[in-house]
């Protein structure tokens, strides 16, 4: 079931965001997006907090990533929400501080 694989991923990742270590608002990130042929399984998914997840997709769109949020390909920013919703800023710390309020 859907909740079972999500639970397994979170447990594997010690219920922490793989980028910042947060234990709040955890989500599941697909390294290879489902829209690009990725699967919802332990090999393709990683635990990220909502802020890290949102920052990644606003910045890189639907690009392939590694576990730490580094894009593994050149981002096609013409198809990202970044242009529509505004850039989260050059300084990633400012973006996270905004998430924490």
Protein backbone atom coordinates (compact mmCIF):
# COMPACT_ATOMS: atom_id res chain seq x y z
CA UNK A 1 0.00 0.00 0.00
CA UNK A 2 0.99 3.63 -0.49
CA UNK A 3 1.41 4.39 3.20
CA UNK A 4 3.53 1.25 3.75
CA UNK A 5 6.30 2.24 1.31
CA UNK A 6 6.28 5.81 2.65
CA UNK A 7 6.68 4.48 6.19
CA UNK A 8 9.54 2.22 5.08
CA UNK A 9 11.33 5.14 3.43
CA UNK A 10 10.94 7.39 6.48
CA UNK A 11 12.15 4.62 8.80
CA UNK A 12 15.15 3.92 6.56
CA UNK A 13 16.00 7.63 6.71
CA UNK A 14 15.61 7.73 10.52
CA UNK A 15 12.54 9.98 10.21
CA UNK A 16 14.75 12.93 9.23
CA UNK A 17 15.15 15.11 6.18
CA UNK A 18 18.17 13.85 4.23
CA UNK A 19 19.15 17.45 3.43
CA UNK A 20 18.76 19.47 6.64
CA UNK A 21 18.05 16.80 9.28
CA UNK A 22 14.66 18.23 10.26
CA UNK A 23 12.04 15.91 11.74
CA UNK A 24 9.13 18.25 10.92
CA UNK A 25 6.75 18.16 7.95
CA UNK A 26 8.43 15.19 6.30
CA UNK A 27 7.63 14.37 2.68
CA UNK A 28 8.84 11.83 0.16
CA UNK A 29 10.91 13.02 -2.80
CA UNK A 30 11.27 10.97 -5.98
CA UNK A 31 14.87 11.20 -7.26
CA UNK A 32 13.57 10.42 -10.75
CA UNK A 33 10.14 12.12 -10.90
CA UNK A 34 7.13 9.88 -11.55
CA UNK A 35 6.27 12.18 -14.46
CA UNK A 36 9.64 11.22 -15.97
CA UNK A 37 9.29 7.47 -15.44
CA UNK A 38 10.43 7.18 -11.81
CA UNK A 39 8.90 4.66 -9.44
CA UNK A 40 7.59 4.91 -5.90
CA UNK A 41 10.03 2.53 -4.25
CA UNK A 42 12.89 2.49 -1.74
CA UNK A 43 15.55 2.94 -4.40
CA UNK A 44 13.98 6.02 -5.99
CA UNK A 45 12.59 7.82 -2.95
CA UNK A 46 14.14 9.83 -0.13
CA UNK A 47 12.77 11.66 2.91
CA UNK A 48 12.91 15.45 2.71
CA UNK A 49 11.14 18.06 4.83
CA UNK A 50 8.51 20.21 3.13
CA UNK A 51 10.83 23.25 2.99
CA UNK A 52 13.71 21.41 1.31
CA UNK A 53 11.28 19.70 -1.05
CA UNK A 54 9.58 22.95 -1.99
CA UNK A 55 12.92 24.74 -2.48
CA UNK A 56 14.24 21.99 -4.75
CA UNK A 57 11.23 21.96 -7.06
CA UNK A 58 10.91 25.76 -7.17
CA UNK A 59 14.57 25.96 -8.12
CA UNK A 60 15.04 22.94 -10.40
CA UNK A 61 11.56 21.83 -11.49
CA UNK A 62 11.25 18.15 -12.37
CA UNK A 63 14.93 17.30 -12.65
CA UNK A 64 16.64 14.13 -11.49
CA UNK A 65 18.34 14.58 -8.11
CA UNK A 66 20.65 12.84 -5.70
CA UNK A 67 19.76 12.22 -2.05
CA UNK A 68 21.07 15.62 -0.93
CA UNK A 69 19.09 17.71 -3.39
CA UNK A 70 21.77 18.20 -6.01
CA UNK A 71 20.40 18.09 -9.55
CA UNK A 72 22.05 15.39 -11.65
CA UNK A 73 21.20 17.11 -14.91
CA UNK A 74 20.91 20.65 -16.18
CA UNK A 75 17.62 22.09 -15.03
CA UNK A 76 15.19 23.26 -17.69
CA UNK A 77 13.99 26.27 -15.74
CA UNK A 78 11.53 27.26 -18.46
CA UNK A 79 9.17 24.63 -17.05
CA UNK A 80 9.52 25.39 -13.33
CA UNK A 81 7.20 27.20 -10.98
CA UNK A 82 10.14 29.44 -10.07
CA UNK A 83 9.21 31.97 -12.75
CA UNK A 84 5.53 31.93 -11.82
CA UNK A 85 5.82 32.07 -8.03
CA UNK A 86 9.05 33.98 -7.57
CA UNK A 87 12.59 32.85 -6.91
CA UNK A 88 13.15 31.73 -3.29
CA UNK A 89 16.34 33.77 -3.33
CA UNK A 90 20.04 33.28 -3.79
CA UNK A 91 20.50 32.62 -0.10
CA UNK A 92 18.91 29.30 0.80
CA UNK A 93 19.04 30.19 4.52
CA UNK A 94 16.60 33.06 3.92
CA UNK A 95 14.20 30.62 2.26
CA UNK A 96 14.32 28.19 5.19
CA UNK A 97 13.88 30.97 7.74
CA UNK A 98 10.71 31.88 5.88
CA UNK A 99 9.52 28.28 6.24
CA UNK A 100 10.10 28.31 9.98
CA UNK A 101 7.83 31.24 10.78
